[in-house]
Amino acid sequence: MGKSNRKTPFVFYFGLVLLTLVMFSTHFMSGLYARYTTMANGGDDARVAKFEVSTAGNLTQSFELEMNPQSETQSRTITITNNSETTIKYTVKVESTGNLPLIFSWGNDKTSGTIAVGDTNPQTLNLNISWESEENSYLYSSEIDCITVTVVCEQVD
């Protein structure tokens, strides 16, 4: 029994010395870490620019075309206005279901362009729709065609 009591003070003293060394080394090392730290402040003033493009026109109205070569061309107007804080680039596309032999053309031959910031003059495009002159058949008399006009606008950096 006496043997185990002699080892207990040795382990206790060893632990106490180890704890003391850890405490001193932590105290001395804390000054080293504080030397290399920095403090920085910053901010950001960025904001998102407003992107607002409006289109208008008489595109949603239905109309009839005569099936003869002398028929007149139907015209529809599209107006594009840039209310954004950036310059925009636009492209206009026309598609149909293809049920009728229609010919699409633009009155000013302009299907794309750019509108600058602050430009208050809207871009006006005229879509002309006519019947193909060689296609005169009674088979088309009960057909309906759907024309889709798509305006794609992109922000210019």
C-alpha atoms as a PDB file:
ATOM      1  CA  MET A   1       0.000   0.000   0.000  1.00  0.00           C
ATOM      2  CA  GLY A   2       2.764   2.404   0.697  1.00  0.00           C
ATOM      3  CA  LYS A   3       4.063   2.021  -2.794  1.00  0.00           C
ATOM      4  CA  SER A   4       0.959   3.408  -4.453  1.00  0.00           C
ATOM      5  CA  ASN A   5       0.913   6.417  -2.137  1.00  0.00           C
ATOM      6  CA  ARG A   6       4.423   7.374  -3.219  1.00  0.00           C
ATOM      7  CA  LYS A   7       3.443   7.513  -6.918  1.00  0.00           C
ATOM      8  CA  THR A   8       0.352   9.611  -6.384  1.00  0.00           C
ATOM      9  CA  PRO A   9       2.255  12.753  -5.311  1.00  0.00           C
ATOM     10  CA  PHE A  10       4.616  12.334  -8.281  1.00  0.00           C
ATOM     11  CA  VAL A  11       1.710  12.214 -10.806  1.00  0.00           C
ATOM     12  CA  PHE A  12       0.021  15.103  -9.034  1.00  0.00           C
ATOM     13  CA  TYR A  13       3.173  17.253  -9.124  1.00  0.00           C
ATOM     14  CA  PHE A  14       3.847  16.369 -12.738  1.00  0.00           C
ATOM     15  CA  GLY A  15       0.310  17.436 -13.724  1.00  0.00           C
ATOM     16  CA  LEU A  16       0.659  20.641 -11.742  1.00  0.00           C
ATOM     17  CA  VAL A  17       3.952  21.532 -13.465  1.00  0.00           C
ATOM     18  CA  LEU A  18       2.433  20.726 -16.874  1.00  0.00           C
ATOM     19  CA  LEU A  19      -0.594  22.915 -16.175  1.00  0.00           C
ATOM     20  CA  THR A  20       1.655  25.780 -15.070  1.00  0.00           C
ATOM     21  CA  LEU A  21       3.727  25.526 -18.263  1.00  0.00           C
ATOM     22  CA  VAL A  22       0.582  25.554 -20.403  1.00  0.00           C
ATOM     23  CA  MET A  23      -0.688  28.648 -18.622  1.00  0.00           C
ATOM     24  CA  PHE A  24       2.603  30.524 -19.096  1.00  0.00           C
ATOM     25  CA  SER A  25       2.948  29.536 -22.740  1.00  0.00           C
ATOM     26  CA  THR A  26      -0.649  30.587 -23.464  1.00  0.00           C
ATOM     27  CA  HIS A  27      -0.001  33.948 -21.819  1.00  0.00           C
ATOM     28  CA  PHE A  28       3.165  34.567 -23.860  1.00  0.00           C
ATOM     29  CA  MET A  29       1.697  33.279 -27.137  1.00  0.00           C
ATOM     30  CA  SER A  30      -1.368  35.524 -26.910  1.00  0.00           C
ATOM     31  CA  GLY A  31       0.785  38.575 -27.592  1.00  0.00           C
ATOM     32  CA  LEU A  32       2.117  37.016 -30.791  1.00  0.00           C
ATOM     33  CA  TYR A  33      -1.312  36.429 -32.272  1.00  0.00           C
ATOM     34  CA  ALA A  34      -2.520  39.915 -31.432  1.00  0.00           C
ATOM     35  CA  ARG A  35       0.332  41.445 -33.380  1.00  0.00           C
ATOM     36  CA  TYR A  36      -0.778  39.930 -36.681  1.00  0.00           C
ATOM     37  CA  THR A  37      -4.465  40.650 -36.586  1.00  0.00           C
ATOM     38  CA  THR A  38      -5.918  43.505 -38.580  1.00  0.00           C
ATOM     39  CA  MET A  39      -9.212  45.251 -38.627  1.00  0.00           C
ATOM     40  CA  ALA A  40     -10.965  46.447 -41.753  1.00  0.00           C
ATOM     41  CA  ASN A  41     -14.186  48.266 -42.458  1.00  0.00           C
ATOM     42  CA  GLY A  42     -15.860  48.473 -45.831  1.00  0.00           C
ATOM     43  CA  GLY A  43     -19.065  49.143 -47.575  1.00  0.00           C
ATOM     44  CA  ASP A  44     -20.762  48.787 -50.910  1.00  0.00           C
ATOM     45  CA  ASP A  45     -22.860  51.370 -52.670  1.00  0.00           C
ATOM     46  CA  ALA A  46     -23.825  49.261 -55.681  1.00  0.00           C
ATOM     47  CA  ARG A  47     -27.428  49.170 -56.770  1.00  0.00           C
ATOM     48  CA  VAL A  48     -29.380  47.510 -59.522  1.00  0.00           C
ATOM     49  CA  ALA A  49     -30.380  49.644 -62.492  1.00  0.00           C
ATOM     50  CA  LYS A  50     -34.059  49.807 -63.361  1.00  0.00           C
ATOM     51  CA  PHE A  51     -34.971  47.743 -66.431  1.00  0.00           C
ATOM     52  CA  GLU A  52     -38.367  48.687 -67.820  1.00  0.00           C
ATOM     53  CA  VAL A  53     -39.384  48.295 -71.439  1.00  0.00           C
ATOM     54  CA  SER A  54     -42.938  48.733 -72.617  1.00  0.00           C
ATOM     55  CA  THR A  55     -44.499  47.630 -75.859  1.00  0.00           C
ATOM     56  CA  ALA A  56     -47.763  48.728 -77.352  1.00  0.00           C
ATOM     57  CA  GLY A  57     -49.606  48.227 -80.577  1.00  0.00           C
ATOM     58  CA  ASN A  58     -52.690  46.885 -82.262  1.00  0.00           C
ATOM     59  CA  LEU A  59     -51.506  43.295 -82.385  1.00  0.00           C
ATOM     60  CA  THR A  60     -54.264  41.587 -80.448  1.00  0.00           C
ATOM     61  CA  GLN A  61     -56.992  42.452 -82.910  1.00  0.00           C
ATOM     62  CA  SER A  62     -58.240  39.837 -85.345  1.00  0.00           C
ATOM     63  CA  PHE A  63     -58.512  40.728 -89.024  1.00  0.00           C
ATOM     64  CA  GLU A  64     -59.410  39.162 -92.353  1.00  0.00           C
ATOM     65  CA  LEU A  65     -57.397  38.940 -95.559  1.00  0.00           C
ATOM     66  CA  GLU A  66     -58.932  38.531 -98.992  1.00  0.00           C
ATOM     67  CA  MET A  67     -57.769  35.502-100.979  1.00  0.00           C
ATOM     68  CA  ASN A  68     -56.948  37.233-104.242  1.00  0.00           C
ATOM     69  CA  PRO A  69     -53.717  38.610-105.675  1.00  0.00           C
ATOM     70  CA  GLN A  70     -55.007  42.177-105.610  1.00  0.00           C
ATOM     71  CA  SER A  71     -55.790  42.125-101.911  1.00  0.00           C
ATOM     72  CA  GLU A  72     -54.329  44.920 -99.919  1.00  0.00           C
ATOM     73  CA  THR A  73     -51.754  44.450 -97.211  1.00  0.00           C
ATOM     74  CA  GLN A  74     -52.810  44.551 -93.594  1.00  0.00           C
ATOM     75  CA  SER A  75     -50.514  46.561 -91.343  1.00  0.00           C
ATOM     76  CA  ARG A  76     -49.958  46.328 -87.617  1.00  0.00           C
ATOM     77  CA  THR A  77     -47.896  48.771 -85.544  1.00  0.00           C
ATOM     78  CA  ILE A  78     -45.560  47.911 -82.678  1.00  0.00           C
ATOM     79  CA  THR A  79     -44.157  50.612 -80.408  1.00  0.00           C
ATOM     80  CA  ILE A  80     -41.178  49.940 -78.123  1.00  0.00           C
ATOM     81  CA  THR A  81     -40.351  52.434 -75.368  1.00  0.00           C
ATOM     82  CA  ASN A  82     -37.266  52.359 -73.127  1.00  0.00           C
ATOM     83  CA  ASN A  83     -38.048  53.529 -69.574  1.00  0.00           C
ATOM     84  CA  SER A  84     -34.906  51.877 -68.191  1.00  0.00           C
ATOM     85  CA  GLU A  85     -31.784  53.347 -66.681  1.00  0.00           C
ATOM     86  CA  THR A  86     -29.723  51.417 -69.235  1.00  0.00           C
ATOM     87  CA  THR A  87     -29.470  51.218 -72.989  1.00  0.00           C
ATOM     88  CA  ILE A  88     -31.446  48.324 -74.443  1.00  0.00           C
ATOM     89  CA  LYS A  89     -31.071  46.210 -77.552  1.00  0.00           C
ATOM     90  CA  TYR A  90     -34.253  44.770 -79.046  1.00  0.00           C
ATOM     91  CA  THR A  91     -35.069  42.138 -81.635  1.00  0.00           C
ATOM     92  CA  VAL A  92     -38.525  41.455 -83.061  1.00  0.00           C
ATOM     93  CA  LYS A  93     -39.521  38.053 -84.465  1.00  0.00           C
ATOM     94  CA  VAL A  94     -42.688  36.971 -86.256  1.00  0.00           C
ATOM     95  CA  GLU A  95     -43.940  33.402 -86.371  1.00  0.00           C
ATOM     96  CA  SER A  96     -47.182  31.841 -87.512  1.00  0.00           C
ATOM     97  CA  THR A  97     -48.704  28.392 -87.311  1.00  0.00           C
ATOM     98  CA  GLY A  98     -48.395  28.129 -91.091  1.00  0.00           C
ATOM     99  CA  ASN A  99     -52.043  27.334 -91.771  1.00  0.00           C
ATOM    100  CA  LEU A 100     -52.300  30.138 -94.341  1.00  0.00           C
ATOM    101  CA  PRO A 101     -49.827  31.258 -97.033  1.00  0.00           C
ATOM    102  CA  LEU A 102     -49.027  34.618 -95.482  1.00  0.00           C
ATOM    103  CA  ILE A 103     -46.084  36.881 -96.254  1.00  0.00           C
ATOM    104  CA  PHE A 104     -44.651  38.993 -93.463  1.00  0.00           C
ATOM    105  CA  SER A 105     -42.566  42.081 -94.091  1.00  0.00           C
ATOM    106  CA  TRP A 106     -41.497  45.076 -92.051  1.00  0.00           C
ATOM    107  CA  GLY A 107     -42.427  48.512 -93.330  1.00  0.00           C
ATOM    108  CA  ASN A 108     -39.098  50.020 -92.394  1.00  0.00           C
ATOM    109  CA  ASP A 109     -37.050  46.780 -92.806  1.00  0.00           C
ATOM    110  CA  LYS A 110     -35.879  47.151 -89.231  1.00  0.00           C
ATOM    111  CA  THR A 111     -36.352  44.171 -86.929  1.00  0.00           C
ATOM    112  CA  SER A 112     -33.648  45.044 -84.411  1.00  0.00           C
ATOM    113  CA  GLY A 113     -31.976  48.070 -82.929  1.00  0.00           C
ATOM    114  CA  THR A 114     -30.941  49.868 -79.766  1.00  0.00           C
ATOM    115  CA  ILE A 115     -32.637  52.524 -77.673  1.00  0.00           C
ATOM    116  CA  ALA A 116     -30.331  54.699 -75.559  1.00  0.00           C
ATOM    117  CA  VAL A 117     -30.892  55.779 -71.971  1.00  0.00           C
ATOM    118  CA  GLY A 118     -33.130  58.827 -71.790  1.00  0.00           C
ATOM    119  CA  ASP A 119     -34.377  58.452 -75.375  1.00  0.00           C
ATOM    120  CA  THR A 120     -38.015  59.476 -75.051  1.00  0.00           C
ATOM    121  CA  ASN A 121     -38.836  58.754 -78.700  1.00  0.00           C
ATOM    122  CA  PRO A 122     -40.342  55.273 -78.939  1.00  0.00           C
ATOM    123  CA  GLN A 123     -39.288  53.002 -81.785  1.00  0.00           C
ATOM    124  CA  THR A 124     -42.221  52.309 -84.095  1.00  0.00           C
ATOM    125  CA  LEU A 125     -42.201  49.190 -86.264  1.00  0.00           C
ATOM    126  CA  ASN A 126     -44.793  48.371 -88.927  1.00  0.00           C
ATOM    127  CA  LEU A 127     -45.577  44.717 -89.629  1.00  0.00           C
ATOM    128  CA  ASN A 128     -47.122  44.182 -93.057  1.00  0.00           C
ATOM    129  CA  ILE A 129     -49.115  41.000 -93.620  1.00  0.00           C
ATOM    130  CA  SER A 130     -50.221  39.988 -97.105  1.00  0.00           C
ATOM    131  CA  TRP A 131     -51.543  36.918 -98.902  1.00  0.00           C
ATOM    132  CA  GLU A 132     -49.173  34.998-101.179  1.00  0.00           C
ATOM    133  CA  SER A 133     -50.448  35.729-104.703  1.00  0.00           C
ATOM    134  CA  GLU A 134     -50.069  32.214-106.174  1.00  0.00           C
ATOM    135  CA  GLU A 135     -51.995  30.533-103.376  1.00  0.00           C
ATOM    136  CA  ASN A 136     -55.692  31.042-104.169  1.00  0.00           C
ATOM    137  CA  SER A 137     -57.583  27.984-103.068  1.00  0.00           C
ATOM    138  CA  TYR A 138     -60.967  27.474-101.483  1.00  0.00           C
ATOM    139  CA  LEU A 139     -59.259  25.028 -99.068  1.00  0.00           C
ATOM    140  CA  TYR A 140     -57.983  28.010 -97.093  1.00  0.00           C
ATOM    141  CA  SER A 141     -61.439  29.553 -96.654  1.00  0.00           C
ATOM    142  CA  SER A 142     -62.114  27.975 -93.255  1.00  0.00           C
ATOM    143  CA  GLU A 143     -58.543  28.089 -91.939  1.00  0.00           C
ATOM    144  CA  ILE A 144     -57.390  30.270 -89.087  1.00  0.00           C
ATOM    145  CA  ASP A 145     -53.773  31.263 -88.573  1.00  0.00           C
ATOM    146  CA  CYS A 146     -52.201  32.495 -85.373  1.00  0.00           C
ATOM    147  CA  ILE A 147     -49.417  35.050 -85.701  1.00  0.00           C
ATOM    148  CA  THR A 148     -47.018  35.480 -82.787  1.00  0.00           C
ATOM    149  CA  VAL A 149     -44.903  38.603 -82.527  1.00  0.00           C
ATOM    150  CA  THR A 150     -42.079  38.321 -79.991  1.00  0.00           C
ATOM    151  CA  VAL A 151     -40.061  41.312 -78.782  1.00  0.00           C
ATOM    152  CA  VAL A 152     -36.799  40.321 -77.057  1.00  0.00           C
ATOM    153  CA  CYS A 153     -35.086  43.119 -75.085  1.00  0.00           C
ATOM    154  CA  GLU A 154     -31.602  42.895 -73.574  1.00  0.00           C
ATOM    155  CA  GLN A 155     -29.662  45.283 -71.403  1.00  0.00           C
ATOM    156  CA  VAL A 156     -26.530  46.714 -73.032  1.00  0.00           C
ATOM    157  CA  ASP A 157     -23.675  47.226 -70.574  1.00  0.00           C
END
